[in-house]
Amino acid sequence: MKKENQCEQYSFQLKLLMNVEEMKKYPFTKMVIEKGMTEQEYNETLGLLELLDDTYKEELEYGLIDHSSLLLHYAGMLCSKLPVEGSLQALEGEGLYPELAKKLLQLKDI
């Protein structure tokens, strides 16, 4: 099979998989695929989330109550392929960094 045909077939199969009911449990993963993120962009996003999650936990330990700088950091460093609010909702929906995602969504509404 030619590479072009293989790519088309894989693309079609991926589109079918994206519509499987099970994907509703993984909204962030689905968003990553739909937005065409590269592996590097995905890894950088996870690194950003890990950094912000650690910072958020440290701020809580120190008793800080204003975490708005975390939202600014997230919005400024997030891969341009992902929407800020939509990605936070997807993270929360998938259960990834739930406390951080919830706090950033709250800050967005202030």
C-alpha atoms as a PDB file:
ATOM      1  CA  MET A   1       0.000   0.000   0.000  1.00  0.00           C
ATOM      2  CA  LYS A   2       1.302   3.445  -0.899  1.00  0.00           C
ATOM      3  CA  LYS A   3       2.206   5.852   1.891  1.00  0.00           C
ATOM      4  CA  GLU A   4      -0.440   8.348   0.777  1.00  0.00           C
ATOM      5  CA  ASN A   5      -3.146   5.696   0.925  1.00  0.00           C
ATOM      6  CA  GLN A   6      -1.852   4.511   4.296  1.00  0.00           C
ATOM      7  CA  CYS A   7      -1.963   8.047   5.696  1.00  0.00           C
ATOM      8  CA  GLU A   8      -5.490   8.542   4.399  1.00  0.00           C
ATOM      9  CA  GLN A   9      -6.554   5.223   5.894  1.00  0.00           C
ATOM     10  CA  TYR A  10      -4.990   6.060   9.274  1.00  0.00           C
ATOM     11  CA  SER A  11      -6.617   9.479   9.203  1.00  0.00           C
ATOM     12  CA  PHE A  12     -10.013   7.929   8.505  1.00  0.00           C
ATOM     13  CA  GLN A  13      -9.554   5.324  11.252  1.00  0.00           C
ATOM     14  CA  LEU A  14      -8.517   8.005  13.728  1.00  0.00           C
ATOM     15  CA  LYS A  15     -11.626  10.051  12.892  1.00  0.00           C
ATOM     16  CA  LEU A  16     -13.767   6.990  13.585  1.00  0.00           C
ATOM     17  CA  LEU A  17     -12.036   6.374  16.904  1.00  0.00           C
ATOM     18  CA  MET A  18     -12.509   9.993  17.938  1.00  0.00           C
ATOM     19  CA  ASN A  19     -16.270   9.517  17.746  1.00  0.00           C
ATOM     20  CA  VAL A  20     -16.313   6.413  19.946  1.00  0.00           C
ATOM     21  CA  GLU A  21     -18.330   6.966  23.128  1.00  0.00           C
ATOM     22  CA  GLU A  22     -15.275   6.078  25.244  1.00  0.00           C
ATOM     23  CA  MET A  23     -13.476   9.234  24.064  1.00  0.00           C
ATOM     24  CA  LYS A  24     -15.903  11.325  26.119  1.00  0.00           C
ATOM     25  CA  LYS A  25     -13.934  10.148  29.157  1.00  0.00           C
ATOM     26  CA  TYR A  26     -10.763  11.686  27.713  1.00  0.00           C
ATOM     27  CA  PRO A  27     -11.621  15.232  26.597  1.00  0.00           C
ATOM     28  CA  PHE A  28      -8.079  16.573  26.927  1.00  0.00           C
ATOM     29  CA  THR A  29      -6.559  13.709  24.955  1.00  0.00           C
ATOM     30  CA  LYS A  30      -9.252  14.141  22.307  1.00  0.00           C
ATOM     31  CA  MET A  31      -8.500  17.875  22.115  1.00  0.00           C
ATOM     32  CA  VAL A  32      -4.768  17.196  21.693  1.00  0.00           C
ATOM     33  CA  ILE A  33      -5.505  14.903  18.749  1.00  0.00           C
ATOM     34  CA  GLU A  34      -8.113  17.181  17.169  1.00  0.00           C
ATOM     35  CA  LYS A  35      -5.842  20.230  17.389  1.00  0.00           C
ATOM     36  CA  GLY A  36      -2.974  18.329  15.767  1.00  0.00           C
ATOM     37  CA  MET A  37      -0.455  18.836  18.545  1.00  0.00           C
ATOM     38  CA  THR A  38       2.966  17.320  18.049  1.00  0.00           C
ATOM     39  CA  GLU A  39       4.539  15.051  20.636  1.00  0.00           C
ATOM     40  CA  GLN A  40       6.916  17.873  21.592  1.00  0.00           C
ATOM     41  CA  GLU A  41       4.037  20.332  22.082  1.00  0.00           C
ATOM     42  CA  TYR A  42       2.175  17.748  24.162  1.00  0.00           C
ATOM     43  CA  ASN A  43       5.217  17.078  26.350  1.00  0.00           C
ATOM     44  CA  GLU A  44       5.849  20.811  26.789  1.00  0.00           C
ATOM     45  CA  THR A  45       2.211  21.276  27.837  1.00  0.00           C
ATOM     46  CA  LEU A  46       2.474  18.474  30.389  1.00  0.00           C
ATOM     47  CA  GLY A  47       5.714  20.017  31.668  1.00  0.00           C
ATOM     48  CA  LEU A  48       3.963  23.375  32.036  1.00  0.00           C
ATOM     49  CA  LEU A  49       1.116  21.730  33.936  1.00  0.00           C
ATOM     50  CA  GLU A  50       3.530  19.898  36.225  1.00  0.00           C
ATOM     51  CA  LEU A  51       5.386  23.136  36.996  1.00  0.00           C
ATOM     52  CA  LEU A  52       2.180  25.064  37.674  1.00  0.00           C
ATOM     53  CA  ASP A  53       0.747  22.251  39.794  1.00  0.00           C
ATOM     54  CA  ASP A  54       3.899  22.163  41.935  1.00  0.00           C
ATOM     55  CA  THR A  55       3.844  25.966  42.249  1.00  0.00           C
ATOM     56  CA  TYR A  56       0.158  25.931  43.201  1.00  0.00           C
ATOM     57  CA  LYS A  57       0.781  23.348  45.930  1.00  0.00           C
ATOM     58  CA  GLU A  58       3.718  25.387  47.261  1.00  0.00           C
ATOM     59  CA  GLU A  59       1.610  28.540  47.305  1.00  0.00           C
ATOM     60  CA  LEU A  60      -1.080  26.706  49.270  1.00  0.00           C
ATOM     61  CA  GLU A  61       1.518  25.500  51.784  1.00  0.00           C
ATOM     62  CA  TYR A  62       2.698  29.086  52.284  1.00  0.00           C
ATOM     63  CA  GLY A  63      -0.870  30.250  52.780  1.00  0.00           C
ATOM     64  CA  LEU A  64      -1.052  32.405  49.670  1.00  0.00           C
ATOM     65  CA  ILE A  65      -4.570  33.152  48.515  1.00  0.00           C
ATOM     66  CA  ASP A  66      -3.963  35.009  45.232  1.00  0.00           C
ATOM     67  CA  HIS A  67      -3.043  32.539  42.503  1.00  0.00           C
ATOM     68  CA  SER A  68      -3.807  34.774  39.510  1.00  0.00           C
ATOM     69  CA  SER A  69      -0.174  34.665  38.373  1.00  0.00           C
ATOM     70  CA  LEU A  70      -0.645  30.953  37.669  1.00  0.00           C
ATOM     71  CA  LEU A  71      -3.450  31.686  35.211  1.00  0.00           C
ATOM     72  CA  LEU A  72      -1.318  34.320  33.480  1.00  0.00           C
ATOM     73  CA  HIS A  73       1.588  31.872  33.268  1.00  0.00           C
ATOM     74  CA  TYR A  74      -0.700  29.145  31.892  1.00  0.00           C
ATOM     75  CA  ALA A  75      -2.318  31.406  29.301  1.00  0.00           C
ATOM     76  CA  GLY A  76       1.013  32.854  28.221  1.00  0.00           C
ATOM     77  CA  MET A  77       2.901  29.583  27.897  1.00  0.00           C
ATOM     78  CA  LEU A  78       0.140  27.271  26.647  1.00  0.00           C
ATOM     79  CA  CYS A  79       0.575  25.855  23.150  1.00  0.00           C
ATOM     80  CA  SER A  80      -1.136  28.222  20.732  1.00  0.00           C
ATOM     81  CA  LYS A  81      -3.135  25.322  19.281  1.00  0.00           C
ATOM     82  CA  LEU A  82      -5.101  24.956  22.522  1.00  0.00           C
ATOM     83  CA  PRO A  83      -7.748  27.357  23.809  1.00  0.00           C
ATOM     84  CA  VAL A  84      -7.121  28.429  27.397  1.00  0.00           C
ATOM     85  CA  GLU A  85     -10.603  27.900  28.817  1.00  0.00           C
ATOM     86  CA  GLY A  86     -11.395  24.827  26.725  1.00  0.00           C
ATOM     87  CA  SER A  87      -8.158  23.110  27.681  1.00  0.00           C
ATOM     88  CA  LEU A  88      -8.773  23.766  31.375  1.00  0.00           C
ATOM     89  CA  GLN A  89     -12.278  22.328  31.097  1.00  0.00           C
ATOM     90  CA  ALA A  90     -10.892  19.307  29.247  1.00  0.00           C
ATOM     91  CA  LEU A  91      -8.178  18.769  31.869  1.00  0.00           C
ATOM     92  CA  GLU A  92     -10.747  18.915  34.638  1.00  0.00           C
ATOM     93  CA  GLY A  93     -13.067  16.576  32.713  1.00  0.00           C
ATOM     94  CA  GLU A  94     -10.311  14.017  32.243  1.00  0.00           C
ATOM     95  CA  GLY A  95      -9.177  14.300  35.849  1.00  0.00           C
ATOM     96  CA  LEU A  96      -5.724  15.647  34.992  1.00  0.00           C
ATOM     97  CA  TYR A  97      -4.393  18.144  37.521  1.00  0.00           C
ATOM     98  CA  PRO A  98      -7.946  18.533  38.880  1.00  0.00           C
ATOM     99  CA  GLU A  99      -7.199  20.990  41.706  1.00  0.00           C
ATOM    100  CA  LEU A 100      -5.094  23.219  39.467  1.00  0.00           C
ATOM    101  CA  ALA A 101      -7.610  23.124  36.608  1.00  0.00           C
ATOM    102  CA  LYS A 102     -10.476  23.941  38.962  1.00  0.00           C
ATOM    103  CA  LYS A 103      -8.599  26.880  40.511  1.00  0.00           C
ATOM    104  CA  LEU A 104      -7.556  28.298  37.127  1.00  0.00           C
ATOM    105  CA  LEU A 105     -11.134  28.054  35.850  1.00  0.00           C
ATOM    106  CA  GLN A 106     -12.332  29.904  38.965  1.00  0.00           C
ATOM    107  CA  LEU A 107      -9.722  32.620  38.428  1.00  0.00           C
ATOM    108  CA  LYS A 108     -10.744  32.996  34.804  1.00  0.00           C
ATOM    109  CA  ASP A 109     -14.271  33.919  35.896  1.00  0.00           C
ATOM    110  CA  ILE A 110     -13.165  36.653  38.312  1.00  0.00           C
END
